């Protein structure tokens, strides 16, 4: 599971959302976006900030995790992972 998918699942669990569609509405995004994130795509930075706020975690950590998922080479991915620790 990607970090993005984990964050989305954590939002759903924390707020007792009964479906992925409800999770999408709660985040102010489309159902399609949530489906893509659950399949391994990374979320947009603005959504990452919202997720960090909802989960009460450091925004920099979530942004770094998302950036690591987007990275197109392992060296960059490793650097972002180090930042998100």
PDB file of N, CA and C in Angstrom:
ATOM      1  N   UNK A   1       0.846  -1.181   0.000  1.00  0.00           N
ATOM      2  CA  UNK A   1       0.000   0.000   0.000  1.00  0.00           C
ATOM      3  C   UNK A   1       0.893   1.246   0.000  1.00  0.00           C
ATOM      4  N   UNK A   2       0.529   2.230  -0.813  1.00  0.00           N
ATOM      5  CA  UNK A   2       1.286   3.478  -0.846  1.00  0.00           C
ATOM      6  C   UNK A   2       0.957   4.324   0.375  1.00  0.00           C
ATOM      7  N   UNK A   3       1.810   5.292   0.635  1.00  0.00           N
ATOM      8  CA  UNK A   3       1.543   6.226   1.733  1.00  0.00           C
ATOM      9  C   UNK A   3       0.242   6.981   1.467  1.00  0.00           C
ATOM     10  N   UNK A   4       0.029   7.402   0.212  1.00  0.00           N
ATOM     11  CA  UNK A   4      -1.197   8.118  -0.132  1.00  0.00           C
ATOM     12  C   UNK A   4      -2.422   7.289   0.221  1.00  0.00           C
ATOM     13  N   UNK A   5      -2.426   6.024  -0.177  1.00  0.00           N
ATOM     14  CA  UNK A   5      -3.564   5.151   0.127  1.00  0.00           C
ATOM     15  C   UNK A   5      -3.745   5.018   1.636  1.00  0.00           C
ATOM     16  N   UNK A   6      -2.653   4.907   2.357  1.00  0.00           N
ATOM     17  CA  UNK A   6      -2.728   4.807   3.811  1.00  0.00           C
ATOM     18  C   UNK A   6      -3.314   6.051   4.447  1.00  0.00           C
ATOM     19  N   UNK A   7      -2.909   7.201   3.957  1.00  0.00           N
ATOM     20  CA  UNK A   7      -3.462   8.452   4.483  1.00  0.00           C
ATOM     21  C   UNK A   7      -4.964   8.549   4.217  1.00  0.00           C
ATOM     22  N   UNK A   8      -5.376   8.167   3.026  1.00  0.00           N
ATOM     23  CA  UNK A   8      -6.802   8.236   2.685  1.00  0.00           C
ATOM     24  C   UNK A   8      -7.602   7.269   3.564  1.00  0.00           C
ATOM     25  N   UNK A   9      -7.064   6.085   3.772  1.00  0.00           N
ATOM     26  CA  UNK A   9      -7.747   5.126   4.658  1.00  0.00           C
ATOM     27  C   UNK A   9      -7.812   5.652   6.087  1.00  0.00           C
ATOM     28  N   UNK A  10      -6.761   6.340   6.524  1.00  0.00           N
ATOM     29  CA  UNK A  10      -6.746   6.899   7.880  1.00  0.00           C
ATOM     30  C   UNK A  10      -7.800   7.991   8.038  1.00  0.00           C
ATOM     31  N   UNK A  11      -7.968   8.827   7.024  1.00  0.00           N
ATOM     32  CA  UNK A  11      -9.013   9.862   7.077  1.00  0.00           C
ATOM     33  C   UNK A  11     -10.380   9.193   7.162  1.00  0.00           C
ATOM     34  N   UNK A  12     -10.596   8.194   6.322  1.00  0.00           N
ATOM     35  CA  UNK A  12     -11.891   7.503   6.331  1.00  0.00           C
ATOM     36  C   UNK A  12     -12.188   6.903   7.709  1.00  0.00           C
ATOM     37  N   UNK A  13     -11.201   6.255   8.288  1.00  0.00           N
ATOM     38  CA  UNK A  13     -11.385   5.619   9.600  1.00  0.00           C
ATOM     39  C   UNK A  13     -11.585   6.653  10.702  1.00  0.00           C
ATOM     40  N   UNK A  14     -10.767   7.684  10.704  1.00  0.00           N
ATOM     41  CA  UNK A  14     -10.830   8.675  11.777  1.00  0.00           C
ATOM     42  C   UNK A  14     -12.174   9.383  11.825  1.00  0.00           C
ATOM     43  N   UNK A  15     -12.744   9.662  10.662  1.00  0.00           N
ATOM     44  CA  UNK A  15     -13.985  10.435  10.611  1.00  0.00           C
ATOM     45  C   UNK A  15     -15.219   9.554  10.393  1.00  0.00           C
ATOM     46  N   UNK A  16     -15.041   8.246  10.460  1.00  0.00           N
ATOM     47  CA  UNK A  16     -16.173   7.330  10.368  1.00  0.00           C
ATOM     48  C   UNK A  16     -16.933   7.420   9.061  1.00  0.00           C
ATOM     49  N   UNK A  17     -16.231   7.656   7.987  1.00  0.00           N
ATOM     50  CA  UNK A  17     -16.876   7.789   6.683  1.00  0.00           C
ATOM     51  C   UNK A  17     -17.225   6.398   6.165  1.00  0.00           C
ATOM     52  N   UNK A  18     -18.463   6.224   5.719  1.00  0.00           N
ATOM     53  CA  UNK A  18     -18.958   4.885   5.405  1.00  0.00           C
ATOM     54  C   UNK A  18     -18.685   4.406   3.990  1.00  0.00           C
ATOM     55  N   UNK A  19     -18.103   5.255   3.156  1.00  0.00           N
ATOM     56  CA  UNK A  19     -17.799   4.838   1.785  1.00  0.00           C
ATOM     57  C   UNK A  19     -16.650   5.677   1.244  1.00  0.00           C
ATOM     58  N   UNK A  20     -16.099   5.205   0.133  1.00  0.00           N
ATOM     59  CA  UNK A  20     -15.039   5.992  -0.512  1.00  0.00           C
ATOM     60  C   UNK A  20     -15.621   7.253  -1.137  1.00  0.00           C
ATOM     61  N   UNK A  21     -16.868   7.190  -1.584  1.00  0.00           N
ATOM     62  CA  UNK A  21     -17.523   8.385  -2.127  1.00  0.00           C
ATOM     63  C   UNK A  21     -17.673   9.439  -1.030  1.00  0.00           C
ATOM     64  N   UNK A  22     -18.030   9.006   0.173  1.00  0.00           N
ATOM     65  CA  UNK A  22     -18.140   9.936   1.301  1.00  0.00           C
ATOM     66  C   UNK A  22     -16.776  10.527   1.641  1.00  0.00           C
ATOM     67  N   UNK A  23     -15.752   9.717   1.535  1.00  0.00           N
ATOM     68  CA  UNK A  23     -14.387  10.198   1.794  1.00  0.00           C
ATOM     69  C   UNK A  23     -14.014  11.259   0.768  1.00  0.00           C
ATOM     70  N   UNK A  24     -14.342  11.013  -0.490  1.00  0.00           N
ATOM     71  CA  UNK A  24     -14.061  11.988  -1.549  1.00  0.00           C
ATOM     72  C   UNK A  24     -14.785  13.305  -1.268  1.00  0.00           C
ATOM     73  N   UNK A  25     -16.062  13.225  -0.928  1.00  0.00           N
ATOM     74  CA  UNK A  25     -16.820  14.450  -0.626  1.00  0.00           C
ATOM     75  C   UNK A  25     -16.206  15.182   0.559  1.00  0.00           C
ATOM     76  N   UNK A  26     -15.811  14.451   1.585  1.00  0.00           N
ATOM     77  CA  UNK A  26     -15.228  15.055   2.792  1.00  0.00           C
ATOM     78  C   UNK A  26     -13.938  15.803   2.457  1.00  0.00           C
ATOM     79  N   UNK A  27     -13.172  15.249   1.521  1.00  0.00           N
ATOM     80  CA  UNK A  27     -11.921  15.881   1.113  1.00  0.00           C
ATOM     81  C   UNK A  27     -12.113  16.935   0.027  1.00  0.00           C
ATOM     82  N   UNK A  28     -13.315  16.990  -0.538  1.00  0.00           N
ATOM     83  CA  UNK A  28     -13.589  17.966  -1.599  1.00  0.00           C
ATOM     84  C   UNK A  28     -12.964  17.595  -2.929  1.00  0.00           C
ATOM     85  N   UNK A  29     -12.898  16.282  -3.199  1.00  0.00           N
ATOM     86  CA  UNK A  29     -12.330  15.807  -4.457  1.00  0.00           C
ATOM     87  C   UNK A  29     -13.317  14.847  -5.112  1.00  0.00           C
ATOM     88  N   UNK A  30     -13.000  14.428  -6.314  1.00  0.00           N
ATOM     89  CA  UNK A  30     -13.884  13.500  -7.024  1.00  0.00           C
ATOM     90  C   UNK A  30     -13.685  12.062  -6.548  1.00  0.00           C
ATOM     91  N   UNK A  31     -14.706  11.251  -6.771  1.00  0.00           N
ATOM     92  CA  UNK A  31     -14.602   9.817  -6.484  1.00  0.00           C
ATOM     93  C   UNK A  31     -13.441   9.218  -7.277  1.00  0.00           C
ATOM     94  N   UNK A  32     -13.283   9.668  -8.510  1.00  0.00           N
ATOM     95  CA  UNK A  32     -12.206   9.178  -9.377  1.00  0.00           C
ATOM     96  C   UNK A  32     -10.837   9.416  -8.738  1.00  0.00           C
ATOM     97  N   UNK A  33     -10.652  10.581  -8.134  1.00  0.00           N
ATOM     98  CA  UNK A  33      -9.371  10.870  -7.481  1.00  0.00           C
ATOM     99  C   UNK A  33      -9.081   9.857  -6.375  1.00  0.00           C
ATOM    100  N   UNK A  34     -10.069   9.596  -5.548  1.00  0.00           N
ATOM    101  CA  UNK A  34      -9.879   8.633  -4.460  1.00  0.00           C
ATOM    102  C   UNK A  34      -9.592   7.251  -5.015  1.00  0.00           C
ATOM    103  N   UNK A  35     -10.267   6.853  -6.079  1.00  0.00           N
ATOM    104  CA  UNK A  35      -9.999   5.546  -6.692  1.00  0.00           C
ATOM    105  C   UNK A  35      -8.556   5.474  -7.183  1.00  0.00           C
ATOM    106  N   UNK A  36      -8.083   6.536  -7.819  1.00  0.00           N
ATOM    107  CA  UNK A  36      -6.703   6.552  -8.312  1.00  0.00           C
ATOM    108  C   UNK A  36      -5.703   6.473  -7.160  1.00  0.00           C
ATOM    109  N   UNK A  37      -5.957   7.201  -6.090  1.00  0.00           N
ATOM    110  CA  UNK A  37      -5.039   7.181  -4.944  1.00  0.00           C
ATOM    111  C   UNK A  37      -4.983   5.797  -4.333  1.00  0.00           C
ATOM    112  N   UNK A  38      -6.119   5.146  -4.248  1.00  0.00           N
ATOM    113  CA  UNK A  38      -6.152   3.804  -3.669  1.00  0.00           C
ATOM    114  C   UNK A  38      -5.435   2.794  -4.550  1.00  0.00           C
ATOM    115  N   UNK A  39      -5.291   3.104  -5.831  1.00  0.00           N
ATOM    116  CA  UNK A  39      -4.590   2.219  -6.776  1.00  0.00           C
ATOM    117  C   UNK A  39      -3.108   2.558  -6.908  1.00  0.00           C
ATOM    118  N   UNK A  40      -2.630   3.525  -6.131  1.00  0.00           N
ATOM    119  CA  UNK A  40      -1.203   3.796  -6.154  1.00  0.00           C
ATOM    120  C   UNK A  40      -0.776   5.138  -6.705  1.00  0.00           C
ATOM    121  N   UNK A  41      -1.715   5.932  -7.199  1.00  0.00           N
ATOM    122  CA  UNK A  41      -1.360   7.266  -7.668  1.00  0.00           C
ATOM    123  C   UNK A  41      -1.202   8.187  -6.459  1.00  0.00           C
ATOM    124  N   UNK A  42      -0.419   9.242  -6.615  1.00  0.00           N
ATOM    125  CA  UNK A  42      -0.248  10.165  -5.489  1.00  0.00           C
ATOM    126  C   UNK A  42      -1.239  11.320  -5.590  1.00  0.00           C
ATOM    127  N   UNK A  43      -1.545  11.892  -4.435  1.00  0.00           N
ATOM    128  CA  UNK A  43      -2.504  12.998  -4.392  1.00  0.00           C
ATOM    129  C   UNK A  43      -1.814  14.333  -4.700  1.00  0.00           C
ATOM    130  N   UNK A  44      -2.612  15.328  -4.987  1.00  0.00           N
ATOM    131  CA  UNK A  44      -2.106  16.666  -5.239  1.00  0.00           C
ATOM    132  C   UNK A  44      -1.649  17.287  -3.911  1.00  0.00           C
ATOM    133  N   UNK A  45      -0.761  18.264  -4.027  1.00  0.00           N
ATOM    134  CA  UNK A  45      -0.203  18.895  -2.833  1.00  0.00           C
ATOM    135  C   UNK A  45      -1.274  19.558  -1.962  1.00  0.00           C
ATOM    136  N   UNK A  46      -2.237  20.214  -2.576  1.00  0.00           N
ATOM    137  CA  UNK A  46      -3.291  20.878  -1.782  1.00  0.00           C
ATOM    138  C   UNK A  46      -4.091  19.856  -0.976  1.00  0.00           C
ATOM    139  N   UNK A  47      -4.350  18.712  -1.573  1.00  0.00           N
ATOM    140  CA  UNK A  47      -5.055  17.655  -0.855  1.00  0.00           C
ATOM    141  C   UNK A  47      -4.182  17.092   0.251  1.00  0.00           C
ATOM    142  N   UNK A  48      -2.886  16.961  -0.016  1.00  0.00           N
ATOM    143  CA  UNK A  48      -1.957  16.470   1.011  1.00  0.00           C
ATOM    144  C   UNK A  48      -1.980  17.383   2.233  1.00  0.00           C
ATOM    145  N   UNK A  49      -2.039  18.689   2.013  1.00  0.00           N
ATOM    146  CA  UNK A  49      -2.121  19.629   3.143  1.00  0.00           C
ATOM    147  C   UNK A  49      -3.412  19.433   3.927  1.00  0.00           C
ATOM    148  N   UNK A  50      -4.515  19.228   3.225  1.00  0.00           N
ATOM    149  CA  UNK A  50      -5.811  18.987   3.886  1.00  0.00           C
ATOM    150  C   UNK A  50      -5.771  17.694   4.696  1.00  0.00           C
ATOM    151  N   UNK A  51      -5.196  16.657   4.133  1.00  0.00           N
ATOM    152  CA  UNK A  51      -5.077  15.370   4.833  1.00  0.00           C
ATOM    153  C   UNK A  51      -4.240  15.532   6.097  1.00  0.00           C
ATOM    154  N   UNK A  52      -3.133  16.241   5.995  1.00  0.00           N
ATOM    155  CA  UNK A  52      -2.280  16.468   7.171  1.00  0.00           C
ATOM    156  C   UNK A  52      -3.073  17.182   8.266  1.00  0.00           C
ATOM    157  N   UNK A  53      -3.853  18.185   7.879  1.00  0.00           N
ATOM    158  CA  UNK A  53      -4.673  18.914   8.842  1.00  0.00           C
ATOM    159  C   UNK A  53      -5.699  17.985   9.502  1.00  0.00           C
ATOM    160  N   UNK A  54      -6.373  17.186   8.690  1.00  0.00           N
ATOM    161  CA  UNK A  54      -7.403  16.293   9.216  1.00  0.00           C
ATOM    162  C   UNK A  54      -6.831  15.221  10.138  1.00  0.00           C
ATOM    163  N   UNK A  55      -5.613  14.778   9.854  1.00  0.00           N
ATOM    164  CA  UNK A  55      -4.990  13.729  10.658  1.00  0.00           C
ATOM    165  C   UNK A  55      -4.086  14.286  11.750  1.00  0.00           C
ATOM    166  N   UNK A  56      -3.987  15.611  11.809  1.00  0.00           N
ATOM    167  CA  UNK A  56      -3.169  16.281  12.817  1.00  0.00           C
ATOM    168  C   UNK A  56      -1.721  15.778  12.806  1.00  0.00           C
ATOM    169  N   UNK A  57      -1.160  15.759  11.594  1.00  0.00           N
ATOM    170  CA  UNK A  57       0.247  15.399  11.448  1.00  0.00           C
ATOM    171  C   UNK A  57       0.971  16.485  10.670  1.00  0.00           C
ATOM    172  N   UNK A  58       2.277  16.466  10.714  1.00  0.00           N
ATOM    173  CA  UNK A  58       3.098  17.496  10.077  1.00  0.00           C
ATOM    174  C   UNK A  58       2.841  17.542   8.564  1.00  0.00           C
ATOM    175  N   UNK A  59       2.465  18.708   8.048  1.00  0.00           N
ATOM    176  CA  UNK A  59       2.222  18.824   6.603  1.00  0.00           C
ATOM    177  C   UNK A  59       3.460  18.475   5.778  1.00  0.00           C
ATOM    178  N   UNK A  60       4.630  18.848   6.272  1.00  0.00           N
ATOM    179  CA  UNK A  60       5.862  18.542   5.545  1.00  0.00           C
ATOM    180  C   UNK A  60       6.059  17.053   5.348  1.00  0.00           C
ATOM    181  N   UNK A  61       5.675  16.284   6.337  1.00  0.00           N
ATOM    182  CA  UNK A  61       5.807  14.824   6.235  1.00  0.00           C
ATOM    183  C   UNK A  61       4.913  14.277   5.132  1.00  0.00           C
ATOM    184  N   UNK A  62       3.665  14.718   5.104  1.00  0.00           N
ATOM    185  CA  UNK A  62       2.737  14.235   4.078  1.00  0.00           C
ATOM    186  C   UNK A  62       3.196  14.699   2.696  1.00  0.00           C
ATOM    187  N   UNK A  63       3.600  15.949   2.583  1.00  0.00           N
ATOM    188  CA  UNK A  63       4.084  16.454   1.295  1.00  0.00           C
ATOM    189  C   UNK A  63       5.310  15.684   0.823  1.00  0.00           C
ATOM    190  N   UNK A  64       6.221  15.374   1.742  1.00  0.00           N
ATOM    191  CA  UNK A  64       7.419  14.608   1.374  1.00  0.00           C
ATOM    192  C   UNK A  64       7.051  13.190   0.947  1.00  0.00           C
ATOM    193  N   UNK A  65       6.101  12.570   1.637  1.00  0.00           N
ATOM    194  CA  UNK A  65       5.658  11.230   1.250  1.00  0.00           C
ATOM    195  C   UNK A  65       5.058  11.239  -0.150  1.00  0.00           C
ATOM    196  N   UNK A  66       4.246  12.243  -0.431  1.00  0.00           N
ATOM    197  CA  UNK A  66       3.621  12.361  -1.751  1.00  0.00           C
ATOM    198  C   UNK A  66       4.688  12.611  -2.824  1.00  0.00           C
ATOM    199  N   UNK A  67       5.633  13.470  -2.522  1.00  0.00           N
ATOM    200  CA  UNK A  67       6.711  13.751  -3.476  1.00  0.00           C
ATOM    201  C   UNK A  67       7.536  12.492  -3.752  1.00  0.00           C
ATOM    202  N   UNK A  68       7.770  11.694  -2.725  1.00  0.00           N
ATOM    203  CA  UNK A  68       8.514  10.439  -2.901  1.00  0.00           C
ATOM    204  C   UNK A  68       7.767   9.503  -3.849  1.00  0.00           C
ATOM    205  N   UNK A  69       6.454   9.453  -3.709  1.00  0.00           N
ATOM    206  CA  UNK A  69       5.669   8.593  -4.593  1.00  0.00           C
ATOM    207  C   UNK A  69       5.705   9.077  -6.041  1.00  0.00           C
ATOM    208  N   UNK A  70       5.812  10.367  -6.238  1.00  0.00           N
ATOM    209  CA  UNK A  70       5.843  10.933  -7.592  1.00  0.00           C
ATOM    210  C   UNK A  70       7.213  10.837  -8.244  1.00  0.00           C
ATOM    211  N   UNK A  71       8.250  10.682  -7.451  1.00  0.00           N
ATOM    212  CA  UNK A  71       9.622  10.715  -7.968  1.00  0.00           C
ATOM    213  C   UNK A  71       9.820   9.647  -9.048  1.00  0.00           C
ATOM    214  N   UNK A  72      10.567  10.027 -10.074  1.00  0.00           N
ATOM    215  CA  UNK A  72      10.747   9.097 -11.189  1.00  0.00           C
ATOM    216  C   UNK A  72      12.075   8.345 -11.155  1.00  0.00           C
ATOM    217  N   UNK A  73      12.856   8.541 -10.104  1.00  0.00           N
ATOM    218  CA  UNK A  73      14.063   7.728  -9.957  1.00  0.00           C
ATOM    219  C   UNK A  73      14.271   7.407  -8.476  1.00  0.00           C
ATOM    220  N   UNK A  74      14.906   6.290  -8.230  1.00  0.00           N
ATOM    221  CA  UNK A  74      15.047   5.796  -6.858  1.00  0.00           C
ATOM    222  C   UNK A  74      15.858   6.739  -5.983  1.00  0.00           C
ATOM    223  N   UNK A  75      16.844   7.395  -6.534  1.00  0.00           N
ATOM    224  CA  UNK A  75      17.674   8.318  -5.752  1.00  0.00           C
ATOM    225  C   UNK A  75      16.846   9.484  -5.202  1.00  0.00           C
ATOM    226  N   UNK A  76      15.983  10.028  -6.018  1.00  0.00           N
ATOM    227  CA  UNK A  76      15.109  11.124  -5.590  1.00  0.00           C
ATOM    228  C   UNK A  76      14.083  10.604  -4.588  1.00  0.00           C
ATOM    229  N   UNK A  77      13.535   9.444  -4.876  1.00  0.00           N
ATOM    230  CA  UNK A  77      12.557   8.836  -3.964  1.00  0.00           C
ATOM    231  C   UNK A  77      13.170   8.626  -2.573  1.00  0.00           C
ATOM    232  N   UNK A  78      14.396   8.130  -2.538  1.00  0.00           N
ATOM    233  CA  UNK A  78      15.087   7.896  -1.267  1.00  0.00           C
ATOM    234  C   UNK A  78      15.324   9.207  -0.517  1.00  0.00           C
ATOM    235  N   UNK A  79      15.658  10.251  -1.248  1.00  0.00           N
ATOM    236  CA  UNK A  79      15.879  11.558  -0.609  1.00  0.00           C
ATOM    237  C   UNK A  79      14.594  12.068   0.039  1.00  0.00           C
ATOM    238  N   UNK A  80      13.473  11.952  -0.677  1.00  0.00           N
ATOM    239  CA  UNK A  80      12.192  12.391  -0.109  1.00  0.00           C
ATOM    240  C   UNK A  80      11.789  11.539   1.100  1.00  0.00           C
ATOM    241  N   UNK A  81      12.060  10.252   1.033  1.00  0.00           N
ATOM    242  CA  UNK A  81      11.750   9.381   2.169  1.00  0.00           C
ATOM    243  C   UNK A  81      12.542   9.793   3.406  1.00  0.00           C
ATOM    244  N   UNK A  82      13.782  10.178   3.185  1.00  0.00           N
ATOM    245  CA  UNK A  82      14.619  10.634   4.306  1.00  0.00           C
ATOM    246  C   UNK A  82      14.032  11.896   4.932  1.00  0.00           C
ATOM    247  N   UNK A  83      13.525  12.799   4.111  1.00  0.00           N
ATOM    248  CA  UNK A  83      12.919  14.037   4.596  1.00  0.00           C
ATOM    249  C   UNK A  83      11.657  13.732   5.416  1.00  0.00           C
ATOM    250  N   UNK A  84      10.917  12.715   5.002  1.00  0.00           N
ATOM    251  CA  UNK A  84       9.631  12.453   5.661  1.00  0.00           C
ATOM    252  C   UNK A  84       9.748  11.706   6.978  1.00  0.00           C
ATOM    253  N   UNK A  85      10.944  11.308   7.354  1.00  0.00           N
ATOM    254  CA  UNK A  85      11.130  10.581   8.632  1.00  0.00           C
ATOM    255  C   UNK A  85      10.852  11.451   9.837  1.00  0.00           C
TER     256      UNK A  85
END
